Amino acid sequence: MDDAGRAELESAVIADVQALSAESDQIGRAFAGVHQLSANDFRALVHIMVAENAGTPLTAGELRSRMGMSGAAITYLVERMIESGHLRRDTDPADRRKVILRYADHGIEVGRAFFTPLANHTHRVLADLPDDDLAAAHRVFTAVLAAMTAFQADLN
């Protein structure tokens, strides 16, 4: 493939990631609206979920840093989310001095109820794609995520 073709493919991937981000934002707004959550509440839930899925659960301080909020604001947010049943605090099993944030049972239930239909749609549209295509897509997403993480580090 020539350079122009390669640039066109990279532009298509970037456009797809931008569209995915915009669509994800709209779905997140719908979830927040259904559950009377603010945009920051939803953002916090996403950060906590992503960190948990990566095996690196967040402390309130780490969440504060990721969200760019003051200590008082993140404390208020976390307290509200605990009171509403979306989050809970747990002692970090690796360091008993640290407290990590996790989804509470209620948060898991409402998330599952809302997002299971999306998972079903996703499963349905991916079912006909060969495993090699899914593996290639995973490599592309991993590379784009690495670029975004590097860019974020450059901004700090």
Protein backbone atom coordinates (compact mmCIF):
# COMPACT_ATOMS: atom_id res chain seq x y z
CA MET A 1 0.00 0.00 0.00
CA ASP A 2 1.30 3.46 -0.84
CA ASP A 3 1.68 6.33 1.63
CA ALA A 4 -1.58 7.98 0.51
CA GLY A 5 -3.52 4.76 1.03
CA ARG A 6 -1.94 4.28 4.44
CA ALA A 7 -2.78 7.87 5.45
CA GLU A 8 -6.36 7.33 4.29
CA LEU A 9 -6.67 4.18 6.43
CA GLU A 10 -5.21 5.94 9.48
CA SER A 11 -7.64 8.84 8.96
CA ALA A 12 -10.53 6.37 8.77
CA VAL A 13 -9.45 4.77 12.05
CA ILE A 14 -9.20 8.18 13.72
CA ALA A 15 -12.65 9.16 12.40
CA ASP A 16 -14.05 5.86 13.70
CA VAL A 17 -12.55 6.44 17.16
CA GLN A 18 -13.99 9.97 17.21
CA ALA A 19 -17.43 8.67 16.20
CA LEU A 20 -17.19 5.90 18.81
CA SER A 21 -16.32 8.47 21.46
CA ALA A 22 -19.23 10.73 20.47
CA GLU A 23 -21.71 7.83 20.43
CA SER A 24 -20.39 6.59 23.77
CA ASP A 25 -20.91 10.06 25.21
CA GLN A 26 -24.54 10.04 24.06
CA ILE A 27 -25.16 6.60 25.58
CA GLY A 28 -23.52 7.76 28.82
CA ARG A 29 -25.76 10.82 28.92
CA ALA A 30 -28.81 8.57 28.48
CA PHE A 31 -27.67 6.31 31.33
CA ALA A 32 -27.01 9.32 33.56
CA GLY A 33 -30.42 10.76 32.76
CA VAL A 34 -32.26 7.52 33.53
CA HIS A 35 -30.47 7.20 36.88
CA GLN A 36 -30.46 10.89 37.89
CA LEU A 37 -26.67 11.11 37.73
CA SER A 38 -24.64 14.15 36.79
CA ALA A 39 -22.15 14.05 33.94
CA ASN A 40 -19.35 13.94 36.52
CA ASP A 41 -21.04 11.06 38.36
CA PHE A 42 -21.11 9.07 35.13
CA ARG A 43 -17.51 10.01 34.27
CA ALA A 44 -16.46 8.79 37.72
CA LEU A 45 -18.27 5.49 37.19
CA VAL A 46 -16.52 5.02 33.84
CA HIS A 47 -13.09 5.75 35.34
CA ILE A 48 -13.75 3.31 38.17
CA MET A 49 -14.96 0.61 35.74
CA VAL A 50 -11.99 1.01 33.38
CA ALA A 51 -9.50 0.88 36.25
CA GLU A 52 -11.23 -2.13 37.78
CA ASN A 53 -11.24 -3.95 34.42
CA ALA A 54 -7.52 -3.23 34.10
CA GLY A 55 -6.92 -4.74 37.55
CA THR A 56 -5.90 -1.39 39.02
CA PRO A 57 -8.82 -0.14 41.12
CA LEU A 58 -8.76 3.56 42.01
CA THR A 59 -8.54 5.38 45.29
CA ALA A 60 -10.55 8.57 45.70
CA GLY A 61 -7.31 10.55 45.25
CA GLU A 62 -6.54 8.80 41.97
CA LEU A 63 -10.10 9.42 40.80
CA ARG A 64 -9.74 13.10 41.76
CA SER A 65 -6.57 13.33 39.69
CA ARG A 66 -8.11 11.65 36.65
CA MET A 67 -11.17 13.87 36.78
CA GLY A 68 -9.31 17.10 37.54
CA MET A 69 -11.50 17.92 40.52
CA SER A 70 -10.71 19.37 43.92
CA GLY A 71 -10.44 17.12 46.94
CA ALA A 72 -13.66 18.51 48.39
CA ALA A 73 -15.55 18.01 45.11
CA ILE A 74 -14.41 14.41 44.72
CA THR A 75 -15.26 13.66 48.36
CA TYR A 76 -18.77 15.04 47.80
CA LEU A 77 -19.15 13.05 44.57
CA VAL A 78 -17.93 9.80 46.15
CA GLU A 79 -20.15 10.24 49.21
CA ARG A 80 -23.20 10.83 46.99
CA MET A 81 -22.37 7.80 44.87
CA ILE A 82 -21.97 5.63 47.96
CA GLU A 83 -25.22 6.94 49.44
CA SER A 84 -27.07 6.24 46.16
CA GLY A 85 -25.76 2.67 46.14
CA HIS A 86 -23.57 2.97 43.05
CA LEU A 87 -20.21 2.71 44.79
CA ARG A 88 -18.63 1.25 47.89
CA ARG A 89 -15.27 1.61 49.58
CA ASP A 90 -13.06 -1.45 50.09
CA THR A 91 -9.73 -1.93 51.74
CA ASP A 92 -7.04 -2.58 49.14
CA PRO A 93 -6.02 -6.24 49.58
CA ALA A 94 -2.45 -5.39 48.52
CA ASP A 95 -2.11 -2.47 50.96
CA ARG A 96 -4.51 -2.44 53.90
CA ARG A 97 -3.82 1.29 54.44
CA LYS A 98 -5.41 2.20 51.09
CA VAL A 99 -9.13 2.44 50.40
CA ILE A 100 -10.28 1.70 46.86
CA LEU A 101 -13.54 2.48 45.11
CA ARG A 102 -15.64 -0.33 43.67
CA TYR A 103 -19.09 -0.75 42.24
CA ALA A 104 -21.71 -1.60 44.84
CA ASP A 105 -24.29 -4.30 44.11
CA HIS A 106 -26.90 -1.69 43.15
CA GLY A 107 -24.44 -0.03 40.75
CA ILE A 108 -23.68 -3.38 39.13
CA GLU A 109 -27.39 -4.17 38.78
CA VAL A 110 -28.40 -0.86 37.18
CA GLY A 111 -25.35 -0.91 34.90
CA ARG A 112 -26.08 -4.46 33.81
CA ALA A 113 -29.77 -3.71 33.22
CA PHE A 114 -28.97 -0.67 31.07
CA PHE A 115 -25.93 -1.95 29.15
CA THR A 116 -26.85 -5.61 28.52
CA PRO A 117 -28.89 -4.67 25.43
CA LEU A 118 -25.80 -2.84 24.08
CA ALA A 119 -23.72 -5.96 24.73
CA ASN A 120 -26.32 -8.00 22.85
CA HIS A 121 -26.23 -5.60 19.89
CA THR A 122 -22.44 -5.69 19.91
CA HIS A 123 -22.34 -9.49 20.05
CA ARG A 124 -24.81 -9.67 17.15
CA VAL A 125 -22.82 -7.34 14.87
CA LEU A 126 -19.49 -8.99 15.69
CA ALA A 127 -20.77 -12.57 15.30
CA ASP A 128 -20.07 -12.75 11.57
CA LEU A 129 -16.59 -11.26 11.74
CA PRO A 130 -13.70 -13.73 11.68
CA ASP A 131 -11.55 -14.07 14.79
CA ASP A 132 -8.56 -12.70 12.87
CA ASP A 133 -10.48 -9.47 12.19
CA LEU A 134 -11.40 -9.14 15.87
CA ALA A 135 -7.77 -9.74 16.86
CA ALA A 136 -6.64 -7.07 14.38
CA ALA A 137 -9.26 -4.63 15.69
CA HIS A 138 -8.06 -5.29 19.24
CA ARG A 139 -4.48 -4.50 18.17
CA VAL A 140 -5.66 -1.26 16.54
CA PHE A 141 -7.64 -0.19 19.62
CA THR A 142 -4.67 -1.03 21.83
CA ALA A 143 -2.35 1.06 19.65
CA VAL A 144 -4.76 4.02 19.54
CA LEU A 145 -5.20 3.83 23.31
CA ALA A 146 -1.41 3.84 23.75
CA ALA A 147 -1.19 6.96 21.55
CA MET A 148 -3.92 8.67 23.58
CA THR A 149 -2.22 7.73 26.86
CA ALA A 150 1.12 9.11 25.59
CA PHE A 151 -0.60 12.31 24.46
CA GLN A 152 -2.25 12.70 27.86
CA ALA A 153 1.13 12.26 29.54
CA ASP A 154 2.58 14.96 27.25
CA LEU A 155 -0.17 17.35 28.35
CA ASN A 156 0.84 17.04 32.02
